[in-house]
């Protein structure tokens, strides 16, 4: 078998001397095959081609979902934790005691001054030449200041601001013969305002016509019917005229402090805050809230953009049709 290999090698190498490397590879391959055949014959195992093992099956590419749970195991979260102001929490829970604390401190200081004066052996009459008398006068002034501070803290308390229930009747009036898209946009504006903000009443006046009156409206004293909006009288009032001239939003954070609230008789009597939003130079939107200073800065900015959107929409479909009530 070796001679046969040499003959193959010599015959192959004799073809082209320049391909010496190719001959060497062929010779090596033949020798390996010969050794493999001999070993198979000695062992008695049938000569079969040795195939490489098949690659492992590829796992299916399933989507991985991560379930977030608010219940975490103890010690599983290693990130930073929000801090807590223990002093502020304690003060908020013991508001009365904290407000009375300067009175107790000032009273105890007065007693300490009198006790020190009694046991020090100094004459009860204040002597300006004595350093002890001057120190007692200074501490006496500080003690009286503490007492007065405590009295002021007890007499002046911040008023808690809570939402109120508007006193009136539900009303929903939409301008007639408006396209369905405009009506849908008005409903969308109302739903958004009543859900996100403290708005409980919405009135839209455009071209001296009441386009919409939605939410809680004031009721008349005689028949408990909702008070309708007199658009012509409203637009001639000082509140609306000032807003239309300036072209800027007007926010009445505490309506009870403004004498111009009499120009808004259609709003519930206990309306706490009002926003007057101009709709270009042809209309105005009036929003009544149930909380003093309930409209935040972001609410005001959002209402301004909403007013621009309503102005652009109503400018295309303003007409002089009568009002209809949609229940």
C-alpha atoms as a PDB file:
ATOM      1  CA  UNK A   1       0.000   0.000   0.000  1.00  0.00           C
ATOM      2  CA  UNK A   2       2.937   2.263   0.638  1.00  0.00           C
ATOM      3  CA  UNK A   3       4.324   1.549  -2.805  1.00  0.00           C
ATOM      4  CA  UNK A   4       0.980   2.401  -4.335  1.00  0.00           C
ATOM      5  CA  UNK A   5       0.994   5.652  -2.476  1.00  0.00           C
ATOM      6  CA  UNK A   6       4.463   6.469  -3.698  1.00  0.00           C
ATOM      7  CA  UNK A   7       3.444   5.676  -7.279  1.00  0.00           C
ATOM      8  CA  UNK A   8       0.467   8.048  -6.997  1.00  0.00           C
ATOM      9  CA  UNK A   9       2.709  10.678  -5.442  1.00  0.00           C
ATOM     10  CA  UNK A  10       5.364  10.305  -8.143  1.00  0.00           C
ATOM     11  CA  UNK A  11       2.806  10.321 -10.900  1.00  0.00           C
ATOM     12  CA  UNK A  12       1.105  13.395  -9.593  1.00  0.00           C
ATOM     13  CA  UNK A  13       4.364  15.163  -8.854  1.00  0.00           C
ATOM     14  CA  UNK A  14       5.668  14.269 -12.271  1.00  0.00           C
ATOM     15  CA  UNK A  15       2.938  16.152 -14.028  1.00  0.00           C
ATOM     16  CA  UNK A  16       4.100  19.548 -12.939  1.00  0.00           C
ATOM     17  CA  UNK A  17       7.153  20.198 -10.806  1.00  0.00           C
ATOM     18  CA  UNK A  18       5.975  23.678  -9.962  1.00  0.00           C
ATOM     19  CA  UNK A  19       3.066  22.312  -7.967  1.00  0.00           C
ATOM     20  CA  UNK A  20       5.124  20.677  -5.272  1.00  0.00           C
ATOM     21  CA  UNK A  21       2.895  21.879  -2.485  1.00  0.00           C
ATOM     22  CA  UNK A  22      -0.175  20.380  -4.069  1.00  0.00           C
ATOM     23  CA  UNK A  23       1.590  17.022  -4.316  1.00  0.00           C
ATOM     24  CA  UNK A  24       2.462  17.070  -0.661  1.00  0.00           C
ATOM     25  CA  UNK A  25      -1.166  17.679   0.342  1.00  0.00           C
ATOM     26  CA  UNK A  26      -2.382  14.858  -1.907  1.00  0.00           C
ATOM     27  CA  UNK A  27       0.197  12.454  -0.475  1.00  0.00           C
ATOM     28  CA  UNK A  28      -0.780  13.327   3.083  1.00  0.00           C
ATOM     29  CA  UNK A  29      -4.466  12.783   2.311  1.00  0.00           C
ATOM     30  CA  UNK A  30      -3.803   9.343   0.774  1.00  0.00           C
ATOM     31  CA  UNK A  31      -1.687   8.237   3.744  1.00  0.00           C
ATOM     32  CA  UNK A  32      -4.403   9.230   6.197  1.00  0.00           C
ATOM     33  CA  UNK A  33      -7.050   7.299   4.298  1.00  0.00           C
ATOM     34  CA  UNK A  34      -4.809   4.222   4.169  1.00  0.00           C
ATOM     35  CA  UNK A  35      -4.178   4.284   7.895  1.00  0.00           C
ATOM     36  CA  UNK A  36      -7.899   4.682   8.527  1.00  0.00           C
ATOM     37  CA  UNK A  37      -8.706   1.623   6.359  1.00  0.00           C
ATOM     38  CA  UNK A  38      -6.058  -0.520   8.096  1.00  0.00           C
ATOM     39  CA  UNK A  39      -7.298   0.404  11.546  1.00  0.00           C
ATOM     40  CA  UNK A  40     -10.858  -0.434  10.592  1.00  0.00           C
ATOM     41  CA  UNK A  41      -9.797  -3.879   9.315  1.00  0.00           C
ATOM     42  CA  UNK A  42      -7.870  -4.714  12.502  1.00  0.00           C
ATOM     43  CA  UNK A  43     -10.660  -3.667  14.837  1.00  0.00           C
ATOM     44  CA  UNK A  44     -13.413  -5.283  12.790  1.00  0.00           C
ATOM     45  CA  UNK A  45     -15.587  -2.177  12.593  1.00  0.00           C
ATOM     46  CA  UNK A  46     -17.176  -1.461   9.285  1.00  0.00           C
ATOM     47  CA  UNK A  47     -15.577   1.380   7.490  1.00  0.00           C
ATOM     48  CA  UNK A  48     -17.986   4.278   7.585  1.00  0.00           C
ATOM     49  CA  UNK A  49     -17.372   7.896   7.029  1.00  0.00           C
ATOM     50  CA  UNK A  50     -16.998   9.850  10.212  1.00  0.00           C
ATOM     51  CA  UNK A  51     -19.409  12.763  10.118  1.00  0.00           C
ATOM     52  CA  UNK A  52     -19.198  15.693  12.460  1.00  0.00           C
ATOM     53  CA  UNK A  53     -21.893  15.792  15.147  1.00  0.00           C
ATOM     54  CA  UNK A  54     -24.972  17.703  14.129  1.00  0.00           C
ATOM     55  CA  UNK A  55     -25.283  21.190  15.559  1.00  0.00           C
ATOM     56  CA  UNK A  56     -27.577  21.530  18.563  1.00  0.00           C
ATOM     57  CA  UNK A  57     -31.131  22.549  17.713  1.00  0.00           C
ATOM     58  CA  UNK A  58     -31.639  26.254  17.795  1.00  0.00           C
ATOM     59  CA  UNK A  59     -33.999  27.436  20.445  1.00  0.00           C
ATOM     60  CA  UNK A  60     -37.120  29.114  19.081  1.00  0.00           C
ATOM     61  CA  UNK A  61     -36.937  32.883  19.161  1.00  0.00           C
ATOM     62  CA  UNK A  62     -39.864  33.684  21.442  1.00  0.00           C
ATOM     63  CA  UNK A  63     -40.592  37.215  22.565  1.00  0.00           C
ATOM     64  CA  UNK A  64     -39.536  37.873  26.074  1.00  0.00           C
ATOM     65  CA  UNK A  65     -41.900  39.696  28.391  1.00  0.00           C
ATOM     66  CA  UNK A  66     -40.819  41.314  31.614  1.00  0.00           C
ATOM     67  CA  UNK A  67     -43.520  41.548  34.229  1.00  0.00           C
ATOM     68  CA  UNK A  68     -43.157  44.548  36.502  1.00  0.00           C
ATOM     69  CA  UNK A  69     -44.614  44.158  39.929  1.00  0.00           C
ATOM     70  CA  UNK A  70     -44.915  46.691  42.688  1.00  0.00           C
ATOM     71  CA  UNK A  71     -44.257  43.942  45.229  1.00  0.00           C
ATOM     72  CA  UNK A  72     -40.536  43.423  45.526  1.00  0.00           C
ATOM     73  CA  UNK A  73     -38.647  40.995  47.682  1.00  0.00           C
ATOM     74  CA  UNK A  74     -36.874  42.411  50.630  1.00  0.00           C
ATOM     75  CA  UNK A  75     -33.419  43.551  49.663  1.00  0.00           C
ATOM     76  CA  UNK A  76     -33.968  43.081  45.926  1.00  0.00           C
ATOM     77  CA  UNK A  77     -33.888  46.799  45.057  1.00  0.00           C
ATOM     78  CA  UNK A  78     -30.349  48.160  45.181  1.00  0.00           C
ATOM     79  CA  UNK A  79     -30.924  51.604  43.697  1.00  0.00           C
ATOM     80  CA  UNK A  80     -31.339  54.926  45.511  1.00  0.00           C
ATOM     81  CA  UNK A  81     -34.428  55.323  47.638  1.00  0.00           C
ATOM     82  CA  UNK A  82     -36.437  58.533  47.973  1.00  0.00           C
ATOM     83  CA  UNK A  83     -35.606  60.545  51.024  1.00  0.00           C
ATOM     84  CA  UNK A  84     -38.106  61.422  53.700  1.00  0.00           C
ATOM     85  CA  UNK A  85     -38.208  64.626  55.704  1.00  0.00           C
ATOM     86  CA  UNK A  86     -39.008  63.395  59.194  1.00  0.00           C
ATOM     87  CA  UNK A  87     -39.072  66.892  60.657  1.00  0.00           C
ATOM     88  CA  UNK A  88     -41.624  68.146  58.134  1.00  0.00           C
ATOM     89  CA  UNK A  89     -43.797  65.078  58.706  1.00  0.00           C
ATOM     90  CA  UNK A  90     -43.701  65.552  62.467  1.00  0.00           C
ATOM     91  CA  UNK A  91     -44.534  69.261  62.207  1.00  0.00           C
ATOM     92  CA  UNK A  92     -47.496  68.602  59.898  1.00  0.00           C
ATOM     93  CA  UNK A  93     -48.889  66.002  62.299  1.00  0.00           C
ATOM     94  CA  UNK A  94     -48.427  68.181  65.401  1.00  0.00           C
ATOM     95  CA  UNK A  95     -49.396  71.570  64.017  1.00  0.00           C
ATOM     96  CA  UNK A  96     -51.093  72.855  67.197  1.00  0.00           C
ATOM     97  CA  UNK A  97     -48.199  71.856  69.453  1.00  0.00           C
ATOM     98  CA  UNK A  98     -45.654  73.492  67.159  1.00  0.00           C
ATOM     99  CA  UNK A  99     -47.643  76.722  67.044  1.00  0.00           C
ATOM    100  CA  UNK A 100     -47.838  76.793  70.858  1.00  0.00           C
ATOM    101  CA  UNK A 101     -44.161  75.944  71.358  1.00  0.00           C
ATOM    102  CA  UNK A 102     -42.877  79.575  71.326  1.00  0.00           C
ATOM    103  CA  UNK A 103     -45.322  80.437  74.151  1.00  0.00           C
ATOM    104  CA  UNK A 104     -43.996  77.631  76.330  1.00  0.00           C
ATOM    105  CA  UNK A 105     -40.396  78.554  75.546  1.00  0.00           C
ATOM    106  CA  UNK A 106     -41.021  82.245  76.306  1.00  0.00           C
ATOM    107  CA  UNK A 107     -42.872  81.475  79.560  1.00  0.00           C
ATOM    108  CA  UNK A 108     -40.142  79.118  80.722  1.00  0.00           C
ATOM    109  CA  UNK A 109     -37.543  81.785  79.891  1.00  0.00           C
ATOM    110  CA  UNK A 110     -39.386  84.381  81.990  1.00  0.00           C
ATOM    111  CA  UNK A 111     -39.525  82.007  84.955  1.00  0.00           C
ATOM    112  CA  UNK A 112     -35.822  81.245  84.556  1.00  0.00           C
ATOM    113  CA  UNK A 113     -34.965  84.953  84.524  1.00  0.00           C
ATOM    114  CA  UNK A 114     -36.963  85.619  87.691  1.00  0.00           C
ATOM    115  CA  UNK A 115     -35.466  82.603  89.451  1.00  0.00           C
ATOM    116  CA  UNK A 116     -31.938  83.633  88.493  1.00  0.00           C
ATOM    117  CA  UNK A 117     -32.636  87.178  89.692  1.00  0.00           C
ATOM    118  CA  UNK A 118     -33.915  85.922  93.029  1.00  0.00           C
ATOM    119  CA  UNK A 119     -30.975  83.651  93.859  1.00  0.00           C
ATOM    120  CA  UNK A 120     -28.242  85.901  92.482  1.00  0.00           C
ATOM    121  CA  UNK A 121     -28.494  88.350  95.387  1.00  0.00           C
ATOM    122  CA  UNK A 122     -28.842  91.357  93.093  1.00  0.00           C
ATOM    123  CA  UNK A 123     -31.287  94.109  93.993  1.00  0.00           C
ATOM    124  CA  UNK A 124     -34.675  93.677  92.293  1.00  0.00           C
ATOM    125  CA  UNK A 125     -34.400  97.173  90.830  1.00  0.00           C
ATOM    126  CA  UNK A 126     -32.586  97.165  87.495  1.00  0.00           C
ATOM    127  CA  UNK A 127     -29.203  98.805  87.632  1.00  0.00           C
ATOM    128  CA  UNK A 128     -27.780  99.954  84.317  1.00  0.00           C
ATOM    129  CA  UNK A 129     -24.234  99.696  85.692  1.00  0.00           C
ATOM    130  CA  UNK A 130     -24.639  96.006  86.451  1.00  0.00           C
ATOM    131  CA  UNK A 131     -23.782  93.537  83.678  1.00  0.00           C
ATOM    132  CA  UNK A 132     -26.231  91.056  85.161  1.00  0.00           C
ATOM    133  CA  UNK A 133     -29.067  93.563  84.854  1.00  0.00           C
ATOM    134  CA  UNK A 134     -28.236  94.240  81.239  1.00  0.00           C
ATOM    135  CA  UNK A 135     -28.170  90.492  80.477  1.00  0.00           C
ATOM    136  CA  UNK A 136     -31.512  90.024  82.230  1.00  0.00           C
ATOM    137  CA  UNK A 137     -33.096  92.818  80.180  1.00  0.00           C
ATOM    138  CA  UNK A 138     -31.846  91.247  76.948  1.00  0.00           C
ATOM    139  CA  UNK A 139     -33.150  87.779  77.827  1.00  0.00           C
ATOM    140  CA  UNK A 140     -36.415  89.310  79.014  1.00  0.00           C
ATOM    141  CA  UNK A 141     -36.916  90.908  75.600  1.00  0.00           C
ATOM    142  CA  UNK A 142     -36.207  87.595  73.838  1.00  0.00           C
ATOM    143  CA  UNK A 143     -38.663  85.750  76.097  1.00  0.00           C
ATOM    144  CA  UNK A 144     -41.431  88.288  75.415  1.00  0.00           C
ATOM    145  CA  UNK A 145     -40.713  88.013  71.679  1.00  0.00           C
ATOM    146  CA  UNK A 146     -41.181  84.249  71.866  1.00  0.00           C
ATOM    147  CA  UNK A 147     -44.496  84.626  73.638  1.00  0.00           C
ATOM    148  CA  UNK A 148     -45.775  87.147  71.096  1.00  0.00           C
ATOM    149  CA  UNK A 149     -44.628  84.912  68.213  1.00  0.00           C
ATOM    150  CA  UNK A 150     -46.597  81.987  69.626  1.00  0.00           C
ATOM    151  CA  UNK A 151     -49.711  84.124  69.950  1.00  0.00           C
ATOM    152  CA  UNK A 152     -49.385  85.257  66.336  1.00  0.00           C
ATOM    153  CA  UNK A 153     -48.945  81.671  65.144  1.00  0.00           C
ATOM    154  CA  UNK A 154     -52.081  80.599  66.973  1.00  0.00           C
ATOM    155  CA  UNK A 155     -54.183  83.498  65.700  1.00  0.00           C
ATOM    156  CA  UNK A 156     -53.152  83.242  62.032  1.00  0.00           C
ATOM    157  CA  UNK A 157     -53.866  79.900  60.399  1.00  0.00           C
ATOM    158  CA  UNK A 158     -53.842  79.133  56.661  1.00  0.00           C
ATOM    159  CA  UNK A 159     -57.278  78.501  55.274  1.00  0.00           C
ATOM    160  CA  UNK A 160     -57.666  75.023  53.895  1.00  0.00           C
ATOM    161  CA  UNK A 161     -58.649  75.011  50.227  1.00  0.00           C
ATOM    162  CA  UNK A 162     -61.048  72.241  49.326  1.00  0.00           C
ATOM    163  CA  UNK A 163     -63.272  71.745  46.261  1.00  0.00           C
ATOM    164  CA  UNK A 164     -66.916  72.750  46.660  1.00  0.00           C
ATOM    165  CA  UNK A 165     -70.013  71.274  45.098  1.00  0.00           C
ATOM    166  CA  UNK A 166     -71.378  73.758  42.517  1.00  0.00           C
ATOM    167  CA  UNK A 167     -74.865  74.976  43.366  1.00  0.00           C
ATOM    168  CA  UNK A 168     -76.908  74.814  40.205  1.00  0.00           C
ATOM    169  CA  UNK A 169     -78.395  72.515  37.609  1.00  0.00           C
ATOM    170  CA  UNK A 170     -76.824  70.503  34.852  1.00  0.00           C
ATOM    171  CA  UNK A 171     -77.160  72.047  31.418  1.00  0.00           C
ATOM    172  CA  UNK A 172     -75.918  71.187  27.936  1.00  0.00           C
ATOM    173  CA  UNK A 173     -76.686  73.626  25.135  1.00  0.00           C
ATOM    174  CA  UNK A 174     -74.970  73.331  21.746  1.00  0.00           C
ATOM    175  CA  UNK A 175     -75.275  75.745  18.823  1.00  0.00           C
ATOM    176  CA  UNK A 176     -77.568  74.368  16.129  1.00  0.00           C
ATOM    177  CA  UNK A 177     -76.598  73.190  12.663  1.00  0.00           C
ATOM    178  CA  UNK A 178     -72.931  72.871  13.487  1.00  0.00           C
ATOM    179  CA  UNK A 179     -71.097  70.064  11.683  1.00  0.00           C
ATOM    180  CA  UNK A 180     -70.652  66.858  13.588  1.00  0.00           C
ATOM    181  CA  UNK A 181     -66.896  67.388  13.692  1.00  0.00           C
ATOM    182  CA  UNK A 182     -67.294  70.727  15.481  1.00  0.00           C
ATOM    183  CA  UNK A 183     -69.795  69.291  17.960  1.00  0.00           C
ATOM    184  CA  UNK A 184     -67.438  66.404  18.648  1.00  0.00           C
ATOM    185  CA  UNK A 185     -64.568  68.813  19.230  1.00  0.00           C
ATOM    186  CA  UNK A 186     -66.627  70.837  21.709  1.00  0.00           C
ATOM    187  CA  UNK A 187     -67.574  67.668  23.551  1.00  0.00           C
ATOM    188  CA  UNK A 188     -63.935  66.588  23.544  1.00  0.00           C
ATOM    189  CA  UNK A 189     -62.872  69.939  25.012  1.00  0.00           C
ATOM    190  CA  UNK A 190     -65.483  69.660  27.768  1.00  0.00           C
ATOM    191  CA  UNK A 191     -64.631  66.069  28.641  1.00  0.00           C
ATOM    192  CA  UNK A 192     -60.938  66.897  28.776  1.00  0.00           C
ATOM    193  CA  UNK A 193     -61.390  69.995  30.918  1.00  0.00           C
ATOM    194  CA  UNK A 194     -63.821  68.405  33.365  1.00  0.00           C
ATOM    195  CA  UNK A 195     -61.622  65.331  33.779  1.00  0.00           C
ATOM    196  CA  UNK A 196     -58.159  66.863  34.043  1.00  0.00           C
ATOM    197  CA  UNK A 197     -58.844  70.261  35.648  1.00  0.00           C
ATOM    198  CA  UNK A 198     -61.234  71.677  38.240  1.00  0.00           C
ATOM    199  CA  UNK A 199     -63.529  73.027  35.510  1.00  0.00           C
ATOM    200  CA  UNK A 200     -67.231  72.433  36.221  1.00  0.00           C
ATOM    201  CA  UNK A 201     -68.819  74.959  33.873  1.00  0.00           C
ATOM    202  CA  UNK A 202     -67.987  75.846  30.273  1.00  0.00           C
ATOM    203  CA  UNK A 203     -69.483  78.669  28.222  1.00  0.00           C
ATOM    204  CA  UNK A 204     -68.370  79.469  24.654  1.00  0.00           C
ATOM    205  CA  UNK A 205     -69.518  82.686  22.983  1.00  0.00           C
ATOM    206  CA  UNK A 206     -68.571  83.409  19.376  1.00  0.00           C
ATOM    207  CA  UNK A 207     -69.745  86.257  17.145  1.00  0.00           C
ATOM    208  CA  UNK A 208     -72.182  87.402  19.869  1.00  0.00           C
ATOM    209  CA  UNK A 209     -73.791  83.942  19.878  1.00  0.00           C
ATOM    210  CA  UNK A 210     -73.718  81.373  22.664  1.00  0.00           C
ATOM    211  CA  UNK A 211     -72.100  78.394  20.975  1.00  0.00           C
ATOM    212  CA  UNK A 212     -72.096  76.107  24.032  1.00  0.00           C
ATOM    213  CA  UNK A 213     -73.146  76.088  27.675  1.00  0.00           C
ATOM    214  CA  UNK A 214     -72.128  72.824  29.297  1.00  0.00           C
ATOM    215  CA  UNK A 215     -71.800  71.762  32.905  1.00  0.00           C
ATOM    216  CA  UNK A 216     -73.374  73.254  35.991  1.00  0.00           C
ATOM    217  CA  UNK A 217     -75.344  76.458  35.426  1.00  0.00           C
ATOM    218  CA  UNK A 218     -76.896  78.804  37.940  1.00  0.00           C
ATOM    219  CA  UNK A 219     -80.595  78.345  38.543  1.00  0.00           C
ATOM    220  CA  UNK A 220     -83.177  81.085  38.720  1.00  0.00           C
ATOM    221  CA  UNK A 221     -84.860  81.814  42.027  1.00  0.00           C
ATOM    222  CA  UNK A 222     -88.409  81.557  40.673  1.00  0.00           C
ATOM    223  CA  UNK A 223     -88.686  78.287  38.785  1.00  0.00           C
ATOM    224  CA  UNK A 224     -85.286  76.651  39.454  1.00  0.00           C
ATOM    225  CA  UNK A 225     -84.570  76.688  35.725  1.00  0.00           C
ATOM    226  CA  UNK A 226     -81.002  77.208  34.476  1.00  0.00           C
ATOM    227  CA  UNK A 227     -80.065  80.781  33.663  1.00  0.00           C
ATOM    228  CA  UNK A 228     -79.274  81.197  29.987  1.00  0.00           C
ATOM    229  CA  UNK A 229     -76.359  83.209  28.651  1.00  0.00           C
ATOM    230  CA  UNK A 230     -77.096  86.687  27.303  1.00  0.00           C
ATOM    231  CA  UNK A 231     -74.254  86.743  24.773  1.00  0.00           C
ATOM    232  CA  UNK A 232     -74.710  90.370  23.676  1.00  0.00           C
ATOM    233  CA  UNK A 233     -74.712  91.686  27.250  1.00  0.00           C
ATOM    234  CA  UNK A 234     -71.806  89.466  28.213  1.00  0.00           C
ATOM    235  CA  UNK A 235     -69.603  90.632  25.339  1.00  0.00           C
ATOM    236  CA  UNK A 236     -70.274  94.268  26.209  1.00  0.00           C
ATOM    237  CA  UNK A 237     -69.191  93.827  29.819  1.00  0.00           C
ATOM    238  CA  UNK A 238     -65.900  95.086  31.191  1.00  0.00           C
ATOM    239  CA  UNK A 239     -64.499  91.600  31.773  1.00  0.00           C
ATOM    240  CA  UNK A 240     -64.930  90.398  28.202  1.00  0.00           C
ATOM    241  CA  UNK A 241     -63.956  93.698  26.669  1.00  0.00           C
ATOM    242  CA  UNK A 242     -60.722  93.770  28.637  1.00  0.00           C
ATOM    243  CA  UNK A 243     -59.861  90.224  27.593  1.00  0.00           C
ATOM    244  CA  UNK A 244     -60.640  90.833  23.909  1.00  0.00           C
ATOM    245  CA  UNK A 245     -58.617  94.049  23.828  1.00  0.00           C
ATOM    246  CA  UNK A 246     -55.578  92.484  25.466  1.00  0.00           C
ATOM    247  CA  UNK A 247     -55.880  89.202  23.581  1.00  0.00           C
ATOM    248  CA  UNK A 248     -54.503  87.402  26.638  1.00  0.00           C
ATOM    249  CA  UNK A 249     -56.030  84.977  29.062  1.00  0.00           C
ATOM    250  CA  UNK A 250     -57.476  86.357  32.315  1.00  0.00           C
ATOM    251  CA  UNK A 251     -57.418  84.189  35.415  1.00  0.00           C
ATOM    252  CA  UNK A 252     -59.629  85.113  38.370  1.00  0.00           C
ATOM    253  CA  UNK A 253     -58.102  82.798  40.973  1.00  0.00           C
ATOM    254  CA  UNK A 254     -60.562  83.800  43.713  1.00  0.00           C
ATOM    255  CA  UNK A 255     -63.779  84.960  42.094  1.00  0.00           C
ATOM    256  CA  UNK A 256     -65.321  86.237  45.325  1.00  0.00           C
ATOM    257  CA  UNK A 257     -62.707  89.035  45.467  1.00  0.00           C
ATOM    258  CA  UNK A 258     -63.598  90.489  42.042  1.00  0.00           C
ATOM    259  CA  UNK A 259     -66.556  92.869  41.667  1.00  0.00           C
ATOM    260  CA  UNK A 260     -66.856  91.875  38.002  1.00  0.00           C
ATOM    261  CA  UNK A 261     -68.340  88.522  39.020  1.00  0.00           C
ATOM    262  CA  UNK A 262     -71.782  90.108  38.649  1.00  0.00           C
ATOM    263  CA  UNK A 263     -71.252  89.966  34.860  1.00  0.00           C
ATOM    264  CA  UNK A 264     -71.313  86.171  35.064  1.00  0.00           C
ATOM    265  CA  UNK A 265     -74.780  85.401  36.498  1.00  0.00           C
ATOM    266  CA  UNK A 266     -75.055  82.152  34.553  1.00  0.00           C
ATOM    267  CA  UNK A 267     -72.261  80.524  36.604  1.00  0.00           C
ATOM    268  CA  UNK A 268     -73.102  78.816  39.923  1.00  0.00           C
ATOM    269  CA  UNK A 269     -73.186  81.194  42.864  1.00  0.00           C
ATOM    270  CA  UNK A 270     -70.341  79.382  44.630  1.00  0.00           C
ATOM    271  CA  UNK A 271     -67.970  79.261  41.670  1.00  0.00           C
ATOM    272  CA  UNK A 272     -64.473  79.584  43.125  1.00  0.00           C
ATOM    273  CA  UNK A 273     -62.262  80.424  40.140  1.00  0.00           C
ATOM    274  CA  UNK A 274     -62.826  81.557  36.552  1.00  0.00           C
ATOM    275  CA  UNK A 275     -60.684  81.606  33.431  1.00  0.00           C
ATOM    276  CA  UNK A 276     -61.582  83.966  30.575  1.00  0.00           C
ATOM    277  CA  UNK A 277     -59.946  82.634  27.425  1.00  0.00           C
ATOM    278  CA  UNK A 278     -60.217  84.764  24.256  1.00  0.00           C
ATOM    279  CA  UNK A 279     -61.048  82.980  20.997  1.00  0.00           C
ATOM    280  CA  UNK A 280     -59.249  85.289  18.627  1.00  0.00           C
ATOM    281  CA  UNK A 281     -61.029  88.645  18.471  1.00  0.00           C
ATOM    282  CA  UNK A 282     -64.501  87.197  17.846  1.00  0.00           C
ATOM    283  CA  UNK A 283     -65.302  85.133  20.911  1.00  0.00           C
ATOM    284  CA  UNK A 284     -64.492  84.053  24.411  1.00  0.00           C
ATOM    285  CA  UNK A 285     -64.532  80.848  26.455  1.00  0.00           C
ATOM    286  CA  UNK A 286     -65.450  81.041  30.146  1.00  0.00           C
ATOM    287  CA  UNK A 287     -64.417  78.232  32.476  1.00  0.00           C
ATOM    288  CA  UNK A 288     -65.738  78.016  36.035  1.00  0.00           C
ATOM    289  CA  UNK A 289     -63.848  75.974  38.630  1.00  0.00           C
ATOM    290  CA  UNK A 290     -64.828  74.495  41.977  1.00  0.00           C
ATOM    291  CA  UNK A 291     -61.541  75.262  43.785  1.00  0.00           C
ATOM    292  CA  UNK A 292     -59.815  78.515  44.686  1.00  0.00           C
ATOM    293  CA  UNK A 293     -56.601  78.762  42.657  1.00  0.00           C
ATOM    294  CA  UNK A 294     -57.488  75.359  41.252  1.00  0.00           C
ATOM    295  CA  UNK A 295     -56.184  75.995  37.731  1.00  0.00           C
ATOM    296  CA  UNK A 296     -52.444  75.380  37.655  1.00  0.00           C
ATOM    297  CA  UNK A 297     -49.938  77.062  35.370  1.00  0.00           C
ATOM    298  CA  UNK A 298     -49.894  74.051  33.060  1.00  0.00           C
ATOM    299  CA  UNK A 299     -53.716  74.096  32.962  1.00  0.00           C
ATOM    300  CA  UNK A 300     -53.697  77.727  31.886  1.00  0.00           C
ATOM    301  CA  UNK A 301     -51.173  77.071  29.123  1.00  0.00           C
ATOM    302  CA  UNK A 302     -53.144  74.063  27.911  1.00  0.00           C
ATOM    303  CA  UNK A 303     -56.397  76.059  27.893  1.00  0.00           C
ATOM    304  CA  UNK A 304     -54.700  78.763  25.820  1.00  0.00           C
ATOM    305  CA  UNK A 305     -53.763  76.222  23.133  1.00  0.00           C
ATOM    306  CA  UNK A 306     -57.256  74.766  23.274  1.00  0.00           C
ATOM    307  CA  UNK A 307     -58.704  78.238  22.747  1.00  0.00           C
ATOM    308  CA  UNK A 308     -56.613  78.690  19.610  1.00  0.00           C
ATOM    309  CA  UNK A 309     -57.847  75.339  18.312  1.00  0.00           C
ATOM    310  CA  UNK A 310     -61.507  76.197  18.982  1.00  0.00           C
ATOM    311  CA  UNK A 311     -61.083  79.600  17.358  1.00  0.00           C
ATOM    312  CA  UNK A 312     -59.687  78.041  14.177  1.00  0.00           C
ATOM    313  CA  UNK A 313     -62.531  75.525  14.075  1.00  0.00           C
ATOM    314  CA  UNK A 314     -65.404  77.893  14.837  1.00  0.00           C
ATOM    315  CA  UNK A 315     -64.164  80.494  12.364  1.00  0.00           C
ATOM    316  CA  UNK A 316     -65.126  78.115   9.538  1.00  0.00           C
ATOM    317  CA  UNK A 317     -68.652  77.306  10.696  1.00  0.00           C
ATOM    318  CA  UNK A 318     -70.014  80.375  12.514  1.00  0.00           C
ATOM    319  CA  UNK A 319     -73.617  81.126  11.526  1.00  0.00           C
ATOM    320  CA  UNK A 320     -76.752  82.769  12.883  1.00  0.00           C
ATOM    321  CA  UNK A 321     -78.932  79.738  13.554  1.00  0.00           C
ATOM    322  CA  UNK A 322     -81.114  79.362  16.691  1.00  0.00           C
ATOM    323  CA  UNK A 323     -80.099  77.365  19.690  1.00  0.00           C
ATOM    324  CA  UNK A 324     -81.145  73.798  20.290  1.00  0.00           C
ATOM    325  CA  UNK A 325     -80.788  71.827  23.474  1.00  0.00           C
ATOM    326  CA  UNK A 326     -79.052  68.469  23.354  1.00  0.00           C
ATOM    327  CA  UNK A 327     -79.817  66.278  26.304  1.00  0.00           C
END
